[in-house]
C-alpha atoms as a PDB file:
ATOM      1  CA  MET A   1      -5.757  -6.191 -17.613  1.00  0.00           C
ATOM      2  CA  ILE A   2      -4.302  -6.446 -14.150  1.00  0.00           C
ATOM      3  CA  VAL A   3      -0.724  -5.273 -12.645  1.00  0.00           C
ATOM      4  CA  ILE A   4       0.867  -6.485  -9.616  1.00  0.00           C
ATOM      5  CA  THR A   5       3.393  -4.366  -7.916  1.00  0.00           C
ATOM      6  CA  PHE A   6       5.590  -6.189  -5.102  1.00  0.00           C
ATOM      7  CA  LEU A   7       6.325  -3.130  -2.791  1.00  0.00           C
ATOM      8  CA  GLY A   8       7.732  -5.130   0.029  1.00  0.00           C
ATOM      9  CA  THR A   9       8.307  -8.920   0.736  1.00  0.00           C
ATOM     10  CA  VAL A  10      10.505  -9.245   3.561  1.00  0.00           C
ATOM     11  CA  SER A  11       9.221 -10.069   7.201  1.00  0.00           C
ATOM     12  CA  GLY A  12      10.298  -8.789  10.458  1.00  0.00           C
ATOM     13  CA  ILE A  13      13.624  -6.854   9.552  1.00  0.00           C
ATOM     14  CA  PRO A  14      13.787  -4.678   6.746  1.00  0.00           C
ATOM     15  CA  THR A  15      17.055  -4.537   4.665  1.00  0.00           C
ATOM     16  CA  LEU A  16      18.283  -1.699   2.438  1.00  0.00           C
ATOM     17  CA  ASP A  17      16.627  -3.499  -0.657  1.00  0.00           C
ATOM     18  CA  ARG A  18      13.681  -5.028   0.857  1.00  0.00           C
ATOM     19  CA  ASN A  19      10.639  -3.723   3.011  1.00  0.00           C
ATOM     20  CA  HIS A  20       7.911  -4.937   4.884  1.00  0.00           C
ATOM     21  CA  PRO A  21       4.787  -6.686   3.401  1.00  0.00           C
ATOM     22  CA  ALA A  22       2.762  -4.572   0.743  1.00  0.00           C
ATOM     23  CA  ILE A  23       1.560  -5.373  -2.559  1.00  0.00           C
ATOM     24  CA  VAL A  24      -0.342  -3.384  -5.065  1.00  0.00           C
ATOM     25  CA  LEU A  25      -3.138  -4.815  -7.473  1.00  0.00           C
ATOM     26  CA  GLU A  26      -4.319  -2.436 -10.362  1.00  0.00           C
ATOM     27  CA  HIS A  27      -7.302  -3.815 -12.137  1.00  0.00           C
ATOM     28  CA  TYR A  28      -8.098  -2.256 -15.536  1.00  0.00           C
ATOM     29  CA  THR A  29     -11.650  -2.493 -16.802  1.00  0.00           C
ATOM     30  CA  ASN A  30     -13.513   0.524 -17.625  1.00  0.00           C
ATOM     31  CA  THR A  31     -11.870   2.189 -14.640  1.00  0.00           C
ATOM     32  CA  ARG A  32      -8.861   1.797 -12.685  1.00  0.00           C
ATOM     33  CA  ASP A  33      -9.190  -0.035  -9.114  1.00  0.00           C
ATOM     34  CA  VAL A  34      -6.166   0.185  -6.865  1.00  0.00           C
ATOM     35  CA  LEU A  35      -6.044  -2.354  -4.305  1.00  0.00           C
ATOM     36  CA  LEU A  36      -3.436  -2.529  -1.675  1.00  0.00           C
ATOM     37  CA  PHE A  37      -2.631  -6.024   0.205  1.00  0.00           C
ATOM     38  CA  ASP A  38      -0.968  -5.424   3.320  1.00  0.00           C
ATOM     39  CA  CYS A  39       0.766  -2.010   4.523  1.00  0.00           C
ATOM     40  CA  GLY A  40       3.803  -2.652   6.404  1.00  0.00           C
ATOM     41  CA  GLU A  41       6.111   0.149   7.488  1.00  0.00           C
ATOM     42  CA  GLY A  42       7.732   2.026   4.888  1.00  0.00           C
ATOM     43  CA  THR A  43       4.547   1.596   2.530  1.00  0.00           C
ATOM     44  CA  GLN A  44       4.001   5.164   1.607  1.00  0.00           C
ATOM     45  CA  LYS A  45       7.553   5.802   0.486  1.00  0.00           C
ATOM     46  CA  GLN A  46       7.584   2.224  -1.817  1.00  0.00           C
ATOM     47  CA  LEU A  47       4.456   3.525  -3.391  1.00  0.00           C
ATOM     48  CA  MET A  48       6.155   6.739  -4.304  1.00  0.00           C
ATOM     49  CA  LYS A  49       9.229   5.126  -5.637  1.00  0.00           C
ATOM     50  CA  ALA A  50       6.740   2.860  -7.839  1.00  0.00           C
ATOM     51  CA  GLY A  51       4.862   5.715  -9.100  1.00  0.00           C
ATOM     52  CA  ILE A  52       1.685   4.835  -7.666  1.00  0.00           C
ATOM     53  CA  SER A  53      -0.469   7.502  -5.953  1.00  0.00           C
ATOM     54  CA  PHE A  54      -1.668   6.225  -2.469  1.00  0.00           C
ATOM     55  CA  MET A  55      -4.851   8.859  -3.007  1.00  0.00           C
ATOM     56  CA  GLN A  56      -5.842   6.463  -5.812  1.00  0.00           C
ATOM     57  CA  ILE A  57      -6.146   3.127  -3.490  1.00  0.00           C
ATOM     58  CA  SER A  58      -9.401   2.186  -3.228  1.00  0.00           C
ATOM     59  CA  LYS A  59      -9.515  -0.645  -0.734  1.00  0.00           C
ATOM     60  CA  ILE A  60      -6.819  -1.927   1.814  1.00  0.00           C
ATOM     61  CA  PHE A  61      -6.606  -5.481   2.830  1.00  0.00           C
ATOM     62  CA  ILE A  62      -4.842  -6.925   5.937  1.00  0.00           C
ATOM     63  CA  THR A  63      -3.966 -10.610   5.516  1.00  0.00           C
ATOM     64  CA  HIS A  64      -3.327 -10.949   9.016  1.00  0.00           C
ATOM     65  CA  TRP A  65      -2.491  -8.817  12.424  1.00  0.00           C
ATOM     66  CA  HIS A  66       1.233  -9.414  12.628  1.00  0.00           C
ATOM     67  CA  ALA A  67       2.872  -5.683  13.018  1.00  0.00           C
ATOM     68  CA  ASP A  68       4.847  -6.054   9.679  1.00  0.00           C
ATOM     69  CA  HIS A  69       1.670  -6.268   7.803  1.00  0.00           C
ATOM     70  CA  PHE A  70       0.244  -3.351   9.330  1.00  0.00           C
ATOM     71  CA  ALA A  71       2.319  -0.866  10.964  1.00  0.00           C
ATOM     72  CA  GLY A  72       2.223   1.592   8.096  1.00  0.00           C
ATOM     73  CA  LEU A  73      -1.568   1.878   7.776  1.00  0.00           C
ATOM     74  CA  ILE A  74      -2.016   4.371  10.340  1.00  0.00           C
ATOM     75  CA  PRO A  75       0.507   6.553   9.075  1.00  0.00           C
ATOM     76  CA  MET A  76      -0.980   5.903   5.430  1.00  0.00           C
ATOM     77  CA  ILE A  77      -4.453   6.991   6.563  1.00  0.00           C
ATOM     78  CA  GLN A  78      -2.996  10.086   8.379  1.00  0.00           C
ATOM     79  CA  THR A  79      -1.452  11.393   5.105  1.00  0.00           C
ATOM     80  CA  MET A  80      -4.528  10.798   3.070  1.00  0.00           C
ATOM     81  CA  ASN A  81      -6.386  12.937   5.651  1.00  0.00           C
ATOM     82  CA  LEU A  82      -3.722  15.769   5.598  1.00  0.00           C
ATOM     83  CA  GLU A  83      -3.743  15.523   1.582  1.00  0.00           C
ATOM     84  CA  LYS A  84      -7.817  16.015   2.026  1.00  0.00           C
ATOM     85  CA  ARG A  85      -8.692  12.619   0.670  1.00  0.00           C
ATOM     86  CA  LYS A  86     -12.603  12.514   0.416  1.00  0.00           C
ATOM     87  CA  LYS A  87     -13.024   9.303  -1.427  1.00  0.00           C
ATOM     88  CA  PRO A  88     -14.022   6.323   1.111  1.00  0.00           C
ATOM     89  CA  LEU A  89     -11.836   3.651   1.627  1.00  0.00           C
END
């Protein structure tokens, strides 16, 4: 089973209802694989609102190098480090 969650779909300027790009793909086979595509500003908060633990993300893919697609990456990695993440990305 595959579950896709759109955390953000707006480019450039976020609004009250829309955030910078971030999409989670959860793939269920024998285990749960959580993939994050893009990590715009505010992705951590959107993950919390969606009930998805950022500590369970196994891979992060950046589609291209516009800031609205990766500006949340460093804060995400920093939070994972502060939370003592041991699992490699």
